[in-house]
């Protein structure tokens, strides 16, 4: 049950996915579930998830600011898989909630966005690994551009891993302050809060340790 003013934002990637929008609307209605709430606006977007200047989303944010409303979406990936975009949204000062993770705070949402972006970057990683396999098998790649691309891919993965660790570290430190002092306890609590690892999986004590070490180095 939710109270207050809400602005609903729905997004699909093509104009052939209107059923997807209907499913999103049903999710939002189910989450609101009575209460003293009012949906003061609904905005539908039919654009790519990589576009950080979506007009309908900007209009929804403007209305939220004007009416002091909360932006509500069905799922996190309906906003974007771009970490920079999520960061810009948070800087706007607009409160927002994702129905699939309504109890997440802004730090948690930032982390989830980082995980989503990391998953997208795995495509580049697999391409690089395939090239390395060809090289090990004795096939001559013969292109300095390919070598540069491989180096750039490694650099990007390192930066993303450092960024992910830097985002997760404040959450881990907060858990320590709340009494979760062992690596195993921290891993268990992160899993309980539905915070995924950089690969989208569940945490282990070893993964927590590695993130802490990388976070302090970043």
N, C-alpha and C. Protein backbone atom coordinates (compact mmCIF):
# COMPACT_ATOMS: atom_id res chain seq x y z
N UNK A 1 0.85 -1.19 0.00
CA UNK A 1 0.00 0.00 0.00
C UNK A 1 0.88 1.24 0.00
N UNK A 2 0.57 2.18 -0.88
CA UNK A 2 1.41 3.37 -1.02
C UNK A 2 0.58 4.63 -0.85
N UNK A 3 1.21 5.66 -0.32
CA UNK A 3 0.57 6.96 -0.13
C UNK A 3 1.34 8.03 -0.88
N UNK A 4 0.63 9.12 -1.24
CA UNK A 4 1.30 10.25 -1.88
C UNK A 4 1.05 10.32 -3.37
N UNK A 5 1.71 11.27 -4.01
CA UNK A 5 1.59 11.45 -5.45
C UNK A 5 2.66 10.64 -6.19
N UNK A 6 2.26 10.03 -7.29
CA UNK A 6 3.18 9.22 -8.08
C UNK A 6 3.07 9.58 -9.55
N UNK A 7 4.20 9.50 -10.23
CA UNK A 7 4.24 9.64 -11.68
C UNK A 7 4.78 8.32 -12.23
N UNK A 8 4.00 7.66 -13.07
CA UNK A 8 4.39 6.36 -13.61
C UNK A 8 5.13 6.52 -14.93
N UNK A 9 6.19 5.75 -15.08
CA UNK A 9 6.99 5.79 -16.31
C UNK A 9 7.10 4.38 -16.87
N UNK A 10 6.70 4.23 -18.13
CA UNK A 10 6.75 2.93 -18.79
C UNK A 10 7.63 3.04 -20.04
N UNK A 11 8.40 1.99 -20.30
CA UNK A 11 9.29 2.05 -21.46
C UNK A 11 9.35 0.72 -22.20
N UNK A 12 9.35 0.80 -23.53
CA UNK A 12 9.65 -0.35 -24.38
C UNK A 12 10.64 0.11 -25.43
N UNK A 13 11.30 -0.85 -26.06
CA UNK A 13 12.35 -0.49 -27.01
C UNK A 13 11.83 -0.30 -28.43
N UNK A 14 10.64 -0.83 -28.73
CA UNK A 14 10.05 -0.62 -30.05
C UNK A 14 8.56 -0.40 -29.89
N UNK A 15 7.91 0.08 -30.96
CA UNK A 15 6.48 0.36 -30.92
C UNK A 15 5.64 -0.91 -31.08
N UNK A 16 6.28 -2.05 -31.16
CA UNK A 16 5.54 -3.31 -31.28
C UNK A 16 5.40 -4.00 -29.93
N UNK A 17 5.76 -3.31 -28.83
CA UNK A 17 5.78 -3.95 -27.51
C UNK A 17 4.77 -3.32 -26.56
N UNK A 18 3.61 -2.89 -27.09
CA UNK A 18 2.62 -2.25 -26.23
C UNK A 18 2.11 -3.19 -25.14
N UNK A 19 2.09 -4.51 -25.43
CA UNK A 19 1.69 -5.47 -24.41
C UNK A 19 2.64 -5.40 -23.23
N UNK A 20 3.92 -5.15 -23.52
CA UNK A 20 4.89 -5.00 -22.45
C UNK A 20 4.54 -3.83 -21.56
N UNK A 21 4.06 -2.75 -22.13
CA UNK A 21 3.67 -1.59 -21.34
C UNK A 21 2.46 -1.94 -20.48
N UNK A 22 1.52 -2.69 -21.03
CA UNK A 22 0.35 -3.09 -20.24
C UNK A 22 0.77 -3.93 -19.04
N UNK A 23 1.75 -4.79 -19.24
CA UNK A 23 2.25 -5.60 -18.14
C UNK A 23 2.91 -4.72 -17.08
N UNK A 24 3.64 -3.70 -17.53
CA UNK A 24 4.26 -2.76 -16.59
C UNK A 24 3.21 -2.01 -15.79
N UNK A 25 2.14 -1.58 -16.47
CA UNK A 25 1.06 -0.87 -15.79
C UNK A 25 0.43 -1.75 -14.72
N UNK A 26 0.23 -3.03 -15.06
CA UNK A 26 -0.36 -3.96 -14.09
C UNK A 26 0.55 -4.12 -12.88
N UNK A 27 1.85 -4.17 -13.11
CA UNK A 27 2.81 -4.29 -12.01
C UNK A 27 2.76 -3.07 -11.09
N UNK A 28 2.70 -1.88 -11.69
CA UNK A 28 2.64 -0.65 -10.91
C UNK A 28 1.35 -0.58 -10.10
N UNK A 29 0.22 -0.92 -10.73
CA UNK A 29 -1.07 -0.89 -10.04
C UNK A 29 -1.06 -1.86 -8.87
N UNK A 30 -0.50 -3.05 -9.10
CA UNK A 30 -0.44 -4.06 -8.04
C UNK A 30 0.42 -3.58 -6.88
N UNK A 31 1.53 -2.89 -7.19
CA UNK A 31 2.41 -2.41 -6.12
C UNK A 31 1.75 -1.29 -5.32
N UNK A 32 1.06 -0.37 -6.00
CA UNK A 32 0.38 0.72 -5.29
C UNK A 32 -0.68 0.16 -4.35
N UNK A 33 -1.49 -0.76 -4.83
CA UNK A 33 -2.36 -1.59 -3.99
C UNK A 33 -3.14 -0.81 -2.94
N UNK A 34 -3.99 0.09 -3.39
CA UNK A 34 -4.79 0.86 -2.44
C UNK A 34 -4.00 2.00 -1.83
N UNK A 35 -4.35 2.40 -0.62
CA UNK A 35 -3.65 3.49 0.04
C UNK A 35 -4.13 4.84 -0.46
N UNK A 36 -3.61 5.90 0.15
CA UNK A 36 -4.00 7.26 -0.23
C UNK A 36 -3.03 7.82 -1.27
N UNK A 37 -2.97 7.15 -2.40
CA UNK A 37 -2.05 7.57 -3.45
C UNK A 37 -2.84 8.16 -4.62
N UNK A 38 -2.14 8.92 -5.43
CA UNK A 38 -2.73 9.46 -6.65
C UNK A 38 -1.69 9.43 -7.75
N UNK A 39 -2.02 8.78 -8.85
CA UNK A 39 -1.14 8.78 -10.02
C UNK A 39 -1.47 10.03 -10.82
N UNK A 40 -0.59 11.02 -10.75
CA UNK A 40 -0.88 12.33 -11.36
C UNK A 40 -0.38 12.41 -12.80
N UNK A 41 0.31 11.39 -13.26
CA UNK A 41 0.79 11.40 -14.63
C UNK A 41 1.35 10.05 -15.04
N UNK A 42 1.19 9.71 -16.31
CA UNK A 42 1.75 8.48 -16.86
C UNK A 42 2.48 8.82 -18.16
N UNK A 43 3.68 8.30 -18.31
CA UNK A 43 4.49 8.61 -19.49
C UNK A 43 4.99 7.31 -20.11
N UNK A 44 4.85 7.20 -21.43
CA UNK A 44 5.28 6.02 -22.16
C UNK A 44 6.42 6.38 -23.12
N UNK A 45 7.46 5.57 -23.07
CA UNK A 45 8.64 5.81 -23.90
C UNK A 45 8.86 4.62 -24.83
N UNK A 46 9.19 4.90 -26.08
CA UNK A 46 9.46 3.84 -27.05
C UNK A 46 10.83 4.08 -27.66
N UNK A 47 11.86 3.94 -26.84
CA UNK A 47 13.21 4.23 -27.31
C UNK A 47 14.20 3.22 -26.78
N UNK A 48 15.42 3.35 -27.23
CA UNK A 48 16.49 2.45 -26.80
C UNK A 48 16.87 2.71 -25.36
N UNK A 49 17.21 1.62 -24.64
CA UNK A 49 17.65 1.75 -23.26
C UNK A 49 18.97 2.47 -23.10
N UNK A 50 19.71 2.65 -24.21
CA UNK A 50 20.99 3.33 -24.15
C UNK A 50 20.86 4.83 -24.33
N UNK A 51 19.66 5.31 -24.60
CA UNK A 51 19.45 6.74 -24.83
C UNK A 51 19.22 7.43 -23.50
N UNK A 52 20.17 8.26 -23.08
CA UNK A 52 20.08 8.91 -21.78
C UNK A 52 19.31 10.22 -21.82
N UNK A 53 18.75 10.58 -22.98
CA UNK A 53 18.03 11.84 -23.10
C UNK A 53 16.59 11.59 -23.53
N UNK A 54 15.96 10.60 -22.97
CA UNK A 54 14.60 10.25 -23.34
C UNK A 54 13.64 11.36 -22.93
N UNK A 55 12.89 11.83 -23.90
CA UNK A 55 12.03 12.99 -23.68
C UNK A 55 10.92 12.71 -22.68
N UNK A 56 10.29 11.54 -22.79
CA UNK A 56 9.18 11.23 -21.88
C UNK A 56 9.66 11.08 -20.44
N UNK A 57 10.83 10.51 -20.26
CA UNK A 57 11.37 10.39 -18.91
C UNK A 57 11.70 11.76 -18.34
N UNK A 58 12.27 12.62 -19.17
CA UNK A 58 12.57 13.98 -18.70
C UNK A 58 11.29 14.71 -18.32
N UNK A 59 10.22 14.48 -19.10
CA UNK A 59 8.93 15.11 -18.78
C UNK A 59 8.39 14.57 -17.46
N UNK A 60 8.56 13.27 -17.24
CA UNK A 60 8.11 12.66 -15.99
C UNK A 60 8.87 13.24 -14.80
N UNK A 61 10.18 13.42 -14.95
CA UNK A 61 11.00 14.00 -13.88
C UNK A 61 10.57 15.43 -13.60
N UNK A 62 10.29 16.19 -14.65
CA UNK A 62 9.86 17.57 -14.48
C UNK A 62 8.56 17.63 -13.69
N UNK A 63 7.61 16.75 -14.01
CA UNK A 63 6.33 16.72 -13.29
C UNK A 63 6.55 16.32 -11.83
N UNK A 64 7.44 15.37 -11.60
CA UNK A 64 7.74 14.95 -10.22
C UNK A 64 8.26 16.13 -9.40
N UNK A 65 9.15 16.91 -9.99
CA UNK A 65 9.69 18.07 -9.29
C UNK A 65 8.61 19.09 -9.00
N UNK A 66 7.75 19.32 -9.99
CA UNK A 66 6.71 20.34 -9.87
C UNK A 66 5.69 19.97 -8.81
N UNK A 67 5.32 18.69 -8.74
CA UNK A 67 4.25 18.25 -7.83
C UNK A 67 4.79 17.49 -6.63
N UNK A 68 6.10 17.46 -6.46
CA UNK A 68 6.73 16.73 -5.35
C UNK A 68 6.25 15.28 -5.31
N UNK A 69 6.29 14.66 -6.46
CA UNK A 69 5.80 13.28 -6.60
C UNK A 69 6.97 12.31 -6.70
N UNK A 70 6.66 11.04 -6.55
CA UNK A 70 7.64 9.97 -6.66
C UNK A 70 7.51 9.30 -8.02
N UNK A 71 8.62 9.11 -8.70
CA UNK A 71 8.63 8.41 -9.98
C UNK A 71 8.56 6.91 -9.70
N UNK A 72 7.63 6.22 -10.33
CA UNK A 72 7.48 4.79 -10.10
C UNK A 72 7.64 4.04 -11.42
N UNK A 73 8.42 2.97 -11.39
CA UNK A 73 8.64 2.13 -12.56
C UNK A 73 8.41 0.68 -12.17
N UNK A 74 8.16 -0.17 -13.17
CA UNK A 74 7.89 -1.57 -12.88
C UNK A 74 9.16 -2.34 -12.52
N UNK A 75 10.23 -2.11 -13.30
CA UNK A 75 11.49 -2.83 -13.09
C UNK A 75 12.66 -1.90 -13.28
N UNK A 76 13.77 -2.24 -12.64
CA UNK A 76 14.96 -1.41 -12.75
C UNK A 76 15.41 -1.22 -14.19
N UNK A 77 15.38 -2.28 -15.00
CA UNK A 77 15.90 -2.16 -16.35
C UNK A 77 15.02 -1.31 -17.24
N UNK A 78 13.84 -0.91 -16.75
CA UNK A 78 12.99 -0.01 -17.51
C UNK A 78 13.54 1.41 -17.47
N UNK A 79 14.41 1.70 -16.54
CA UNK A 79 15.04 3.03 -16.54
C UNK A 79 16.19 3.05 -17.53
N UNK A 80 17.14 2.15 -17.34
CA UNK A 80 18.28 2.07 -18.26
C UNK A 80 19.28 1.09 -17.69
N UNK A 81 20.15 0.59 -18.55
CA UNK A 81 21.26 -0.23 -18.08
C UNK A 81 22.54 0.59 -18.06
N UNK A 82 22.37 1.90 -17.99
CA UNK A 82 23.52 2.80 -18.02
C UNK A 82 23.72 3.41 -16.64
N UNK A 83 24.85 3.10 -16.01
CA UNK A 83 25.13 3.58 -14.66
C UNK A 83 25.16 5.10 -14.61
N UNK A 84 25.74 5.74 -15.62
CA UNK A 84 25.81 7.20 -15.63
C UNK A 84 24.42 7.81 -15.65
N UNK A 85 23.51 7.19 -16.36
CA UNK A 85 22.14 7.71 -16.42
C UNK A 85 21.47 7.63 -15.06
N UNK A 86 21.62 6.51 -14.36
CA UNK A 86 21.04 6.37 -13.03
C UNK A 86 21.61 7.42 -12.09
N UNK A 87 22.92 7.64 -12.19
CA UNK A 87 23.56 8.64 -11.34
C UNK A 87 22.98 10.02 -11.61
N UNK A 88 22.76 10.35 -12.88
CA UNK A 88 22.18 11.65 -13.22
C UNK A 88 20.76 11.77 -12.69
N UNK A 89 20.01 10.68 -12.74
CA UNK A 89 18.65 10.70 -12.22
C UNK A 89 18.65 10.97 -10.72
N UNK A 90 19.57 10.34 -10.01
CA UNK A 90 19.64 10.55 -8.57
C UNK A 90 20.04 11.98 -8.25
N UNK A 91 20.91 12.56 -9.09
CA UNK A 91 21.33 13.94 -8.88
C UNK A 91 20.18 14.92 -9.07
N UNK A 92 19.16 14.51 -9.83
CA UNK A 92 18.02 15.40 -10.07
C UNK A 92 17.23 15.66 -8.79
N UNK A 93 17.42 14.80 -7.79
CA UNK A 93 16.70 14.99 -6.53
C UNK A 93 15.33 14.37 -6.50
N UNK A 94 14.92 13.73 -7.58
CA UNK A 94 13.59 13.12 -7.66
C UNK A 94 13.60 11.77 -6.96
N UNK A 95 12.62 11.55 -6.10
CA UNK A 95 12.48 10.25 -5.46
C UNK A 95 11.91 9.27 -6.47
N UNK A 96 12.42 8.04 -6.48
CA UNK A 96 11.87 7.05 -7.40
C UNK A 96 11.89 5.68 -6.75
N UNK A 97 10.99 4.83 -7.23
CA UNK A 97 10.88 3.49 -6.67
C UNK A 97 10.67 2.51 -7.81
N UNK A 98 11.33 1.36 -7.71
CA UNK A 98 11.14 0.27 -8.66
C UNK A 98 10.31 -0.81 -7.98
N UNK A 99 9.20 -1.20 -8.61
CA UNK A 99 8.28 -2.13 -7.97
C UNK A 99 8.93 -3.48 -7.66
N UNK A 100 9.93 -3.87 -8.44
CA UNK A 100 10.57 -5.16 -8.20
C UNK A 100 11.60 -5.11 -7.08
N UNK A 101 11.90 -3.90 -6.57
CA UNK A 101 12.83 -3.75 -5.46
C UNK A 101 12.49 -2.48 -4.69
N UNK A 102 11.28 -2.41 -4.11
CA UNK A 102 10.80 -1.16 -3.52
C UNK A 102 11.53 -0.71 -2.27
N UNK A 103 12.23 -1.62 -1.60
CA UNK A 103 12.90 -1.26 -0.35
C UNK A 103 14.35 -0.85 -0.56
N UNK A 104 14.78 -0.85 -1.80
CA UNK A 104 16.17 -0.46 -2.08
C UNK A 104 16.36 1.04 -1.86
N UNK A 105 17.49 1.39 -1.24
CA UNK A 105 17.81 2.82 -1.14
C UNK A 105 18.61 3.24 -2.36
N UNK A 106 19.01 4.50 -2.41
CA UNK A 106 19.69 4.99 -3.61
C UNK A 106 21.02 4.31 -3.84
N UNK A 107 21.72 3.98 -2.76
CA UNK A 107 22.99 3.27 -2.91
C UNK A 107 22.77 1.90 -3.54
N UNK A 108 21.75 1.20 -3.07
CA UNK A 108 21.46 -0.12 -3.60
C UNK A 108 21.10 -0.05 -5.07
N UNK A 109 20.28 0.93 -5.43
CA UNK A 109 19.87 1.09 -6.82
C UNK A 109 21.08 1.40 -7.70
N UNK A 110 21.99 2.22 -7.17
CA UNK A 110 23.22 2.52 -7.90
C UNK A 110 24.01 1.24 -8.16
N UNK A 111 24.07 0.37 -7.17
CA UNK A 111 24.80 -0.89 -7.31
C UNK A 111 24.12 -1.79 -8.33
N UNK A 112 22.80 -1.89 -8.26
CA UNK A 112 22.07 -2.72 -9.21
C UNK A 112 22.30 -2.24 -10.64
N UNK A 113 22.34 -0.94 -10.81
CA UNK A 113 22.59 -0.38 -12.14
C UNK A 113 24.00 -0.73 -12.61
N UNK A 114 24.96 -0.70 -11.66
CA UNK A 114 26.34 -1.05 -12.01
C UNK A 114 26.42 -2.50 -12.45
N UNK A 115 25.68 -3.37 -11.77
CA UNK A 115 25.66 -4.78 -12.15
C UNK A 115 25.08 -4.95 -13.55
N UNK A 116 23.97 -4.25 -13.83
CA UNK A 116 23.34 -4.35 -15.15
C UNK A 116 24.29 -3.90 -16.25
N UNK A 117 25.01 -2.82 -15.99
CA UNK A 117 25.96 -2.32 -16.98
C UNK A 117 27.11 -3.32 -17.16
N UNK A 118 27.53 -3.93 -16.06
CA UNK A 118 28.62 -4.91 -16.13
C UNK A 118 28.20 -6.09 -17.01
N UNK A 119 26.95 -6.53 -16.88
CA UNK A 119 26.47 -7.64 -17.70
C UNK A 119 26.54 -7.28 -19.18
N UNK A 120 26.21 -6.04 -19.50
CA UNK A 120 26.27 -5.61 -20.89
C UNK A 120 27.71 -5.64 -21.40
N UNK A 121 28.65 -5.30 -20.52
CA UNK A 121 30.06 -5.28 -20.91
C UNK A 121 30.64 -6.69 -21.12
N UNK A 122 29.93 -7.71 -20.63
CA UNK A 122 30.43 -9.07 -20.79
C UNK A 122 30.51 -9.48 -22.26
N UNK A 123 29.71 -8.85 -23.10
CA UNK A 123 29.78 -9.14 -24.54
C UNK A 123 31.18 -8.81 -25.05
N UNK A 124 31.67 -7.65 -24.67
CA UNK A 124 33.02 -7.25 -25.09
C UNK A 124 34.06 -8.20 -24.52
N UNK A 125 33.84 -8.67 -23.31
CA UNK A 125 34.80 -9.59 -22.69
C UNK A 125 34.85 -10.91 -23.46
N UNK A 126 33.69 -11.44 -23.83
CA UNK A 126 33.66 -12.71 -24.56
C UNK A 126 34.35 -12.57 -25.92
N UNK A 127 34.16 -11.41 -26.56
CA UNK A 127 34.83 -11.18 -27.84
C UNK A 127 36.34 -11.19 -27.66
N UNK A 128 36.82 -10.52 -26.62
CA UNK A 128 38.25 -10.47 -26.35
C UNK A 128 38.80 -11.85 -26.05
N UNK A 129 38.06 -12.65 -25.27
CA UNK A 129 38.53 -13.99 -24.93
C UNK A 129 38.59 -14.89 -26.17
N UNK A 130 37.64 -14.70 -27.10
CA UNK A 130 37.66 -15.48 -28.33
C UNK A 130 38.90 -15.15 -29.16
N UNK A 131 39.24 -13.88 -29.21
CA UNK A 131 40.44 -13.47 -29.94
C UNK A 131 41.70 -14.04 -29.30
N UNK A 132 41.73 -14.05 -27.97
CA UNK A 132 42.88 -14.61 -27.27
C UNK A 132 43.01 -16.10 -27.55
N UNK A 133 41.87 -16.80 -27.63
CA UNK A 133 41.90 -18.24 -27.91
C UNK A 133 42.46 -18.50 -29.30
N UNK A 134 42.08 -17.66 -30.27
CA UNK A 134 42.63 -17.79 -31.62
C UNK A 134 44.14 -17.58 -31.62
N UNK A 135 44.56 -16.61 -30.84
CA UNK A 135 45.99 -16.29 -30.78
C UNK A 135 46.77 -17.45 -30.17
N UNK A 136 46.23 -18.06 -29.09
CA UNK A 136 46.91 -19.18 -28.44
C UNK A 136 46.98 -20.40 -29.35
N UNK A 137 46.00 -20.54 -30.23
CA UNK A 137 45.98 -21.70 -31.13
C UNK A 137 46.95 -21.56 -32.29
N UNK A 138 47.62 -20.40 -32.37
CA UNK A 138 48.63 -20.20 -33.40
C UNK A 138 48.16 -19.42 -34.59
N UNK A 139 46.89 -19.04 -34.63
CA UNK A 139 46.38 -18.25 -35.73
C UNK A 139 46.87 -16.81 -35.59
N UNK A 140 47.36 -16.27 -36.68
CA UNK A 140 47.90 -14.91 -36.66
C UNK A 140 46.77 -13.91 -36.86
N UNK A 141 46.54 -13.09 -35.86
CA UNK A 141 45.49 -12.08 -35.97
C UNK A 141 45.96 -10.94 -36.85
N UNK A 142 47.21 -10.54 -36.71
CA UNK A 142 47.84 -9.64 -37.65
C UNK A 142 47.29 -8.25 -37.76
N UNK A 143 46.59 -7.75 -36.77
CA UNK A 143 46.05 -6.39 -36.87
C UNK A 143 46.38 -5.62 -35.61
N UNK A 144 47.13 -4.52 -35.74
CA UNK A 144 47.42 -3.71 -34.54
C UNK A 144 46.15 -3.15 -33.92
N UNK A 145 45.11 -2.96 -34.75
CA UNK A 145 43.84 -2.46 -34.22
C UNK A 145 43.21 -3.47 -33.27
N UNK A 146 43.37 -4.77 -33.61
CA UNK A 146 42.83 -5.81 -32.74
C UNK A 146 43.56 -5.83 -31.41
N UNK A 147 44.90 -5.70 -31.47
CA UNK A 147 45.68 -5.67 -30.24
C UNK A 147 45.27 -4.48 -29.37
N UNK A 148 45.06 -3.36 -30.01
CA UNK A 148 44.63 -2.17 -29.27
C UNK A 148 43.26 -2.38 -28.66
N UNK A 149 42.37 -3.04 -29.43
CA UNK A 149 41.02 -3.30 -28.92
C UNK A 149 41.06 -4.23 -27.72
N UNK A 150 41.96 -5.23 -27.78
CA UNK A 150 42.09 -6.15 -26.66
C UNK A 150 42.57 -5.42 -25.41
N UNK A 151 43.57 -4.57 -25.59
CA UNK A 151 44.10 -3.80 -24.46
C UNK A 151 43.02 -2.89 -23.89
N UNK A 152 42.26 -2.26 -24.77
CA UNK A 152 41.20 -1.37 -24.32
C UNK A 152 40.12 -2.14 -23.57
N UNK A 153 39.81 -3.34 -24.06
CA UNK A 153 38.81 -4.17 -23.39
C UNK A 153 39.24 -4.51 -21.97
N UNK A 154 40.53 -4.87 -21.82
CA UNK A 154 41.04 -5.17 -20.47
C UNK A 154 40.97 -3.95 -19.58
N UNK A 155 41.31 -2.81 -20.15
CA UNK A 155 41.29 -1.56 -19.38
C UNK A 155 39.88 -1.23 -18.92
N UNK A 156 38.91 -1.40 -19.83
CA UNK A 156 37.52 -1.11 -19.49
C UNK A 156 37.03 -2.04 -18.39
N UNK A 157 37.37 -3.33 -18.49
CA UNK A 157 36.93 -4.28 -17.47
C UNK A 157 37.51 -3.94 -16.10
N UNK A 158 38.77 -3.51 -16.09
CA UNK A 158 39.40 -3.12 -14.82
C UNK A 158 38.71 -1.91 -14.22
N UNK A 159 38.42 -0.92 -15.06
CA UNK A 159 37.74 0.28 -14.58
C UNK A 159 36.36 -0.06 -14.04
N UNK A 160 35.62 -0.92 -14.76
CA UNK A 160 34.28 -1.30 -14.32
C UNK A 160 34.33 -2.04 -12.99
N UNK A 161 35.31 -2.93 -12.86
CA UNK A 161 35.44 -3.68 -11.61
C UNK A 161 35.77 -2.75 -10.45
N UNK A 162 36.66 -1.79 -10.69
CA UNK A 162 37.00 -0.81 -9.65
C UNK A 162 35.78 0.02 -9.29
N UNK A 163 35.01 0.42 -10.30
CA UNK A 163 33.83 1.24 -10.07
C UNK A 163 32.78 0.47 -9.27
N UNK A 164 32.58 -0.80 -9.63
CA UNK A 164 31.63 -1.63 -8.91
C UNK A 164 32.03 -1.77 -7.45
N UNK A 165 33.32 -2.05 -7.21
CA UNK A 165 33.81 -2.19 -5.84
C UNK A 165 33.64 -0.91 -5.05
N UNK A 166 33.92 0.23 -5.69
CA UNK A 166 33.78 1.52 -5.00
C UNK A 166 32.34 1.79 -4.63
N UNK A 167 31.39 1.32 -5.45
CA UNK A 167 29.97 1.52 -5.16
C UNK A 167 29.47 0.60 -4.05
N UNK A 168 30.00 -0.63 -4.03
CA UNK A 168 29.55 -1.61 -3.04
C UNK A 168 30.18 -1.37 -1.67
N UNK A 169 31.41 -0.85 -1.65
CA UNK A 169 32.14 -0.70 -0.40
C UNK A 169 31.38 0.10 0.66
N UNK A 170 30.71 1.23 0.33
CA UNK A 170 29.96 1.95 1.36
C UNK A 170 28.85 1.11 1.97
N UNK A 171 28.23 0.25 1.17
CA UNK A 171 27.18 -0.63 1.69
C UNK A 171 27.78 -1.64 2.65
N UNK A 172 28.94 -2.19 2.30
CA UNK A 172 29.61 -3.15 3.18
C UNK A 172 30.02 -2.48 4.49
N UNK A 173 30.54 -1.27 4.40
CA UNK A 173 30.94 -0.55 5.62
C UNK A 173 29.73 -0.28 6.51
N UNK A 174 28.60 0.03 5.88
CA UNK A 174 27.38 0.27 6.65
C UNK A 174 26.92 -1.01 7.35
N UNK A 175 27.04 -2.13 6.66
CA UNK A 175 26.67 -3.41 7.26
C UNK A 175 27.58 -3.73 8.45
N UNK A 176 28.87 -3.42 8.32
CA UNK A 176 29.79 -3.62 9.45
C UNK A 176 29.35 -2.82 10.66
N UNK A 177 28.94 -1.56 10.40
CA UNK A 177 28.50 -0.69 11.49
C UNK A 177 27.23 -1.21 12.15
N UNK A 178 26.44 -1.99 11.39
CA UNK A 178 25.20 -2.54 11.91
C UNK A 178 25.40 -3.87 12.62
N UNK A 179 26.66 -4.32 12.68
CA UNK A 179 26.95 -5.54 13.43
C UNK A 179 27.30 -6.75 12.61
N UNK A 180 27.31 -6.60 11.28
CA UNK A 180 27.69 -7.72 10.42
C UNK A 180 29.21 -7.66 10.22
N UNK A 181 29.94 -8.28 11.11
CA UNK A 181 31.39 -8.06 11.18
C UNK A 181 32.21 -9.11 10.44
N UNK A 182 31.65 -10.28 10.16
CA UNK A 182 32.42 -11.31 9.45
C UNK A 182 32.09 -11.27 7.96
N UNK A 183 33.03 -11.76 7.16
CA UNK A 183 32.82 -11.79 5.71
C UNK A 183 31.60 -12.64 5.35
N UNK A 184 31.44 -13.75 6.05
CA UNK A 184 30.30 -14.63 5.79
C UNK A 184 28.98 -13.94 6.12
N UNK A 185 28.95 -13.21 7.24
CA UNK A 185 27.73 -12.50 7.63
C UNK A 185 27.39 -11.40 6.64
N UNK A 186 28.41 -10.71 6.17
CA UNK A 186 28.19 -9.64 5.18
C UNK A 186 27.65 -10.22 3.88
N UNK A 187 28.25 -11.33 3.44
CA UNK A 187 27.79 -11.97 2.21
C UNK A 187 26.34 -12.41 2.33
N UNK A 188 26.00 -12.99 3.46
CA UNK A 188 24.63 -13.45 3.69
C UNK A 188 23.64 -12.29 3.66
N UNK A 189 24.01 -11.16 4.27
CA UNK A 189 23.12 -10.01 4.32
C UNK A 189 22.97 -9.36 2.94
N UNK A 190 24.04 -9.30 2.17
CA UNK A 190 23.95 -8.77 0.80
C UNK A 190 23.00 -9.62 -0.03
N UNK A 191 23.08 -10.94 0.13
CA UNK A 191 22.17 -11.83 -0.59
C UNK A 191 20.73 -11.63 -0.12
N UNK A 192 20.56 -11.43 1.18
CA UNK A 192 19.23 -11.21 1.74
C UNK A 192 18.61 -9.94 1.19
N UNK A 193 19.43 -8.93 0.94
CA UNK A 193 18.94 -7.65 0.42
C UNK A 193 18.87 -7.62 -1.11
N UNK A 194 19.10 -8.76 -1.72
CA UNK A 194 19.00 -8.88 -3.18
C UNK A 194 20.03 -8.02 -3.91
N UNK A 195 21.18 -7.80 -3.28
CA UNK A 195 22.29 -7.10 -3.95
C UNK A 195 23.15 -8.17 -4.62
N UNK A 196 23.28 -8.09 -5.94
CA UNK A 196 24.00 -9.10 -6.69
C UNK A 196 25.48 -8.75 -6.83
N UNK A 197 26.27 -9.76 -7.13
CA UNK A 197 27.68 -9.54 -7.44
C UNK A 197 27.80 -8.90 -8.81
N UNK A 198 29.00 -8.56 -9.21
CA UNK A 198 29.20 -7.93 -10.52
C UNK A 198 28.78 -8.83 -11.67
N UNK A 199 28.74 -10.13 -11.44
CA UNK A 199 28.30 -11.08 -12.47
C UNK A 199 26.83 -11.45 -12.32
N UNK A 200 26.15 -10.79 -11.39
CA UNK A 200 24.72 -11.04 -11.21
C UNK A 200 24.39 -12.24 -10.34
N UNK A 201 25.40 -12.77 -9.64
CA UNK A 201 25.17 -13.94 -8.80
C UNK A 201 25.08 -13.60 -7.32
N UNK A 202 25.20 -14.63 -6.48
CA UNK A 202 25.13 -14.44 -5.04
C UNK A 202 26.53 -14.31 -4.46
N UNK A 203 26.58 -13.68 -3.28
CA UNK A 203 27.86 -13.37 -2.65
C UNK A 203 28.38 -14.55 -1.84
N UNK A 204 29.70 -14.68 -1.81
CA UNK A 204 30.40 -15.58 -0.89
C UNK A 204 31.34 -14.73 -0.05
N UNK A 205 31.87 -15.31 1.01
CA UNK A 205 32.80 -14.57 1.86
C UNK A 205 34.02 -14.13 1.07
N UNK A 206 34.50 -15.00 0.17
CA UNK A 206 35.68 -14.67 -0.64
C UNK A 206 35.40 -13.48 -1.55
N UNK A 207 34.21 -13.44 -2.16
CA UNK A 207 33.87 -12.32 -3.04
C UNK A 207 33.80 -11.01 -2.27
N UNK A 208 33.27 -11.06 -1.06
CA UNK A 208 33.23 -9.86 -0.23
C UNK A 208 34.64 -9.36 0.05
N UNK A 209 35.53 -10.29 0.39
CA UNK A 209 36.92 -9.93 0.68
C UNK A 209 37.58 -9.27 -0.54
N UNK A 210 37.37 -9.85 -1.73
CA UNK A 210 37.98 -9.31 -2.94
C UNK A 210 37.45 -7.91 -3.26
N UNK A 211 36.15 -7.70 -3.05
CA UNK A 211 35.57 -6.38 -3.31
C UNK A 211 36.11 -5.35 -2.32
N UNK A 212 36.25 -5.75 -1.06
CA UNK A 212 36.80 -4.83 -0.06
C UNK A 212 38.23 -4.43 -0.43
N UNK A 213 39.03 -5.42 -0.82
CA UNK A 213 40.42 -5.13 -1.20
C UNK A 213 40.49 -4.23 -2.42
N UNK A 214 39.67 -4.53 -3.43
CA UNK A 214 39.66 -3.70 -4.64
C UNK A 214 39.11 -2.31 -4.35
N UNK A 215 38.09 -2.25 -3.51
CA UNK A 215 37.49 -0.96 -3.18
C UNK A 215 38.46 -0.03 -2.47
N UNK A 216 39.30 -0.59 -1.62
CA UNK A 216 40.29 0.23 -0.91
C UNK A 216 41.44 0.65 -1.83
N UNK A 217 41.68 -0.14 -2.89
CA UNK A 217 42.72 0.23 -3.85
C UNK A 217 42.23 1.27 -4.85
N UNK A 218 40.91 1.25 -5.12
CA UNK A 218 40.37 2.13 -6.18
C UNK A 218 40.49 3.59 -5.80
